[in-house]
């Protein structure tokens, strides 16, 4: 686990130092950005092989923010729109990504509960965005450092390719600090 923790930490620092708006007009910055996102998606694929097999992809990650997409291709239901399980996949994994890259590998994210409200069928890829303010990240870290765990909630608006709001997710997470001992808090 130490190796993967080091890889996560290094990748988080790499991605945090990139310009999310970098274009081919600045090829080195663009390569740094796209290489960082490729590394993030590779780490996810190593940790959760189900995710890339189903077309899940982090498109942007920066401090306090993550955007992810799930493909319609390979994830259609019996009437041709996005399968319900694909909505859950795209709405759940980014919370862990956000936690790992904002708090670091010393904190383990655990999904405790998630609900989805389906508003209309998605007949294209679906995107979701999540964010945590610096104050929220600091509060999560302080609570986990003091008690060994912290709770937080993320709400996501899932949109189709045309920008239609197709579903809303509400996910309740718990973060555990690795190696926490109660006497550390005293």
Protein backbone atom coordinates (compact mmCIF):
# COMPACT_ATOMS: atom_id res chain seq x y z
CA UNK A 1 0.00 0.00 0.00
CA UNK A 2 2.89 2.37 0.60
CA UNK A 3 3.76 2.36 -3.10
CA UNK A 4 0.22 3.19 -4.24
CA UNK A 5 -0.03 5.86 -1.52
CA UNK A 6 3.20 7.44 -2.83
CA UNK A 7 1.89 7.28 -6.41
CA UNK A 8 -1.42 8.90 -5.36
CA UNK A 9 0.43 11.62 -3.44
CA UNK A 10 2.82 12.36 -6.31
CA UNK A 11 0.01 12.34 -8.89
CA UNK A 12 -2.06 14.68 -6.73
CA UNK A 13 0.83 17.15 -6.52
CA UNK A 14 1.42 16.85 -10.28
CA UNK A 15 -2.22 17.44 -11.18
CA UNK A 16 -2.58 20.28 -8.67
CA UNK A 17 0.32 22.08 -10.36
CA UNK A 18 -1.25 21.93 -13.84
CA UNK A 19 -3.36 24.53 -15.59
CA UNK A 20 -6.81 22.95 -16.19
CA UNK A 21 -7.39 25.40 -19.06
CA UNK A 22 -4.12 24.57 -20.85
CA UNK A 23 -4.51 24.12 -24.61
CA UNK A 24 -2.28 23.09 -27.47
CA UNK A 25 -1.30 26.76 -27.77
CA UNK A 26 0.98 25.89 -24.81
CA UNK A 27 2.00 22.31 -25.65
CA UNK A 28 4.10 21.59 -22.55
CA UNK A 29 1.34 22.71 -20.17
CA UNK A 30 -1.24 20.78 -22.22
CA UNK A 31 0.91 17.61 -22.07
CA UNK A 32 1.40 18.05 -18.34
CA UNK A 33 -2.37 18.41 -17.85
CA UNK A 34 -3.41 15.51 -20.08
CA UNK A 35 -0.64 13.30 -18.67
CA UNK A 36 -1.83 14.07 -15.15
CA UNK A 37 -5.41 13.14 -15.98
CA UNK A 38 -4.20 9.96 -17.68
CA UNK A 39 -2.33 9.07 -14.49
CA UNK A 40 -5.42 9.72 -12.36
CA UNK A 41 -7.52 7.48 -14.61
CA UNK A 42 -4.85 4.76 -14.56
CA UNK A 43 -4.79 4.81 -10.74
CA UNK A 44 -8.59 4.51 -10.71
CA UNK A 45 -8.36 1.61 -13.17
CA UNK A 46 -5.82 -0.19 -11.00
CA UNK A 47 -7.92 0.35 -7.87
CA UNK A 48 -11.35 -0.23 -9.43
CA UNK A 49 -11.00 -2.19 -12.72
CA UNK A 50 -14.78 -2.02 -13.18
CA UNK A 51 -14.60 1.76 -13.77
CA UNK A 52 -12.56 1.99 -17.00
CA UNK A 53 -14.22 -1.16 -18.39
CA UNK A 54 -17.50 0.76 -18.18
CA UNK A 55 -16.24 3.97 -19.76
CA UNK A 56 -15.74 6.00 -16.57
CA UNK A 57 -13.21 8.81 -16.90
CA UNK A 58 -12.07 11.76 -14.78
CA UNK A 59 -11.91 14.73 -17.14
CA UNK A 60 -10.67 17.38 -14.73
CA UNK A 61 -9.38 17.41 -11.19
CA UNK A 62 -7.93 20.33 -9.29
CA UNK A 63 -7.95 21.36 -5.64
CA UNK A 64 -11.55 21.17 -4.43
CA UNK A 65 -13.02 20.12 -7.79
CA UNK A 66 -13.55 17.03 -9.93
CA UNK A 67 -15.48 16.43 -13.15
CA UNK A 68 -16.11 12.93 -14.48
CA UNK A 69 -17.92 11.33 -17.40
CA UNK A 70 -19.45 7.94 -18.18
CA UNK A 71 -19.99 6.81 -21.75
CA UNK A 72 -23.38 5.76 -23.05
CA UNK A 73 -21.65 3.24 -25.31
CA UNK A 74 -21.55 -0.08 -23.48
CA UNK A 75 -23.85 1.20 -20.72
CA UNK A 76 -27.27 1.21 -22.39
CA UNK A 77 -30.33 -0.24 -20.72
CA UNK A 78 -33.17 -2.19 -22.34
CA UNK A 79 -34.63 0.94 -23.97
CA UNK A 80 -31.39 2.53 -25.18
CA UNK A 81 -30.70 5.16 -22.52
CA UNK A 82 -28.00 5.12 -19.81
CA UNK A 83 -28.29 2.15 -17.44
CA UNK A 84 -29.00 3.09 -13.78
CA UNK A 85 -25.80 1.41 -12.56
CA UNK A 86 -23.74 3.70 -14.81
CA UNK A 87 -25.29 6.74 -13.11
CA UNK A 88 -24.20 5.35 -9.74
CA UNK A 89 -20.68 4.67 -11.02
CA UNK A 90 -20.15 8.19 -12.35
CA UNK A 91 -21.70 9.74 -9.21
CA UNK A 92 -19.78 7.67 -6.65
CA UNK A 93 -16.13 7.45 -7.70
CA UNK A 94 -15.44 11.21 -7.97
CA UNK A 95 -16.04 11.62 -4.21
CA UNK A 96 -13.15 9.28 -3.55
CA UNK A 97 -10.99 11.03 -6.15
CA UNK A 98 -11.73 14.42 -4.62
CA UNK A 99 -10.94 13.12 -1.14
CA UNK A 100 -7.71 11.38 -2.11
CA UNK A 101 -6.34 14.29 -4.08
CA UNK A 102 -7.42 17.02 -1.64
CA UNK A 103 -6.60 15.23 1.62
CA UNK A 104 -3.91 12.85 0.42
CA UNK A 105 -3.43 9.10 0.68
CA UNK A 106 -3.36 9.16 4.50
CA UNK A 107 -7.14 9.48 4.43
CA UNK A 108 -9.40 6.69 3.16
CA UNK A 109 -12.79 7.68 1.72
CA UNK A 110 -15.73 5.33 2.34
CA UNK A 111 -19.16 5.74 0.80
CA UNK A 112 -21.80 5.31 3.50
CA UNK A 113 -24.97 6.14 1.57
CA UNK A 114 -25.94 7.45 -1.85
CA UNK A 115 -29.24 8.32 -3.44
CA UNK A 116 -30.04 9.21 -7.02
CA UNK A 117 -33.06 11.06 -8.26
CA UNK A 118 -33.64 10.30 -11.93
CA UNK A 119 -35.21 13.23 -13.77
CA UNK A 120 -35.13 12.14 -17.41
CA UNK A 121 -33.43 9.44 -19.48
CA UNK A 122 -29.92 10.22 -20.73
CA UNK A 123 -29.41 9.25 -24.35
CA UNK A 124 -25.76 10.34 -24.41
CA UNK A 125 -22.70 10.33 -22.17
CA UNK A 126 -23.31 11.78 -18.69
CA UNK A 127 -21.07 14.19 -16.79
CA UNK A 128 -21.02 15.11 -13.10
CA UNK A 129 -19.10 17.77 -11.17
CA UNK A 130 -18.33 17.97 -7.46
CA UNK A 131 -16.58 20.59 -5.40
CA UNK A 132 -15.46 21.23 -1.85
CA UNK A 133 -14.41 24.66 -0.62
CA UNK A 134 -11.01 25.08 1.04
CA UNK A 135 -12.89 25.57 4.31
CA UNK A 136 -14.76 22.27 3.87
CA UNK A 137 -11.51 20.43 3.08
CA UNK A 138 -9.86 21.98 6.16
CA UNK A 139 -12.81 20.99 8.37
CA UNK A 140 -12.79 17.39 7.06
CA UNK A 141 -9.03 17.14 7.66
CA UNK A 142 -9.27 18.67 11.16
CA UNK A 143 -12.09 16.33 12.19
CA UNK A 144 -10.27 13.27 10.82
CA UNK A 145 -7.02 14.33 12.48
CA UNK A 146 -8.79 14.82 15.84
CA UNK A 147 -11.10 11.79 15.86
CA UNK A 148 -9.78 9.43 13.21
CA UNK A 149 -12.79 10.00 10.96
CA UNK A 150 -14.88 12.73 9.40
CA UNK A 151 -18.19 12.89 7.57
CA UNK A 152 -19.06 14.93 4.51
CA UNK A 153 -21.70 15.06 1.82
CA UNK A 154 -21.47 15.73 -1.90
CA UNK A 155 -24.34 16.66 -4.17
CA UNK A 156 -23.91 16.16 -7.88
CA UNK A 157 -25.87 17.41 -10.86
CA UNK A 158 -25.63 14.83 -13.63
CA UNK A 159 -26.03 16.25 -17.13
CA UNK A 160 -26.22 14.77 -20.60
CA UNK A 161 -24.19 15.96 -23.59
CA UNK A 162 -26.73 18.72 -24.33
CA UNK A 163 -26.50 20.04 -20.75
CA UNK A 164 -29.87 18.65 -19.62
CA UNK A 165 -30.08 17.90 -15.90
CA UNK A 166 -30.84 14.15 -16.00
CA UNK A 167 -30.27 13.15 -12.37
CA UNK A 168 -29.18 14.42 -8.96
CA UNK A 169 -26.96 12.42 -6.61
CA UNK A 170 -26.48 12.87 -2.89
CA UNK A 171 -23.59 10.91 -1.41
CA UNK A 172 -22.60 10.65 2.23
CA UNK A 173 -18.95 9.79 2.79
CA UNK A 174 -16.81 9.05 5.78
CA UNK A 175 -13.06 9.62 5.70
CA UNK A 176 -10.83 7.57 7.96
CA UNK A 177 -7.32 8.63 8.82
CA UNK A 178 -4.92 5.74 8.29
CA UNK A 179 -2.99 4.70 11.40
CA UNK A 180 -5.05 6.89 13.74
CA UNK A 181 -4.66 6.09 17.42
CA UNK A 182 -6.96 7.64 20.02
CA UNK A 183 -4.02 8.72 22.18
CA UNK A 184 -2.84 10.96 19.29
CA UNK A 185 -5.92 13.13 19.85
CA UNK A 186 -5.15 13.68 23.53
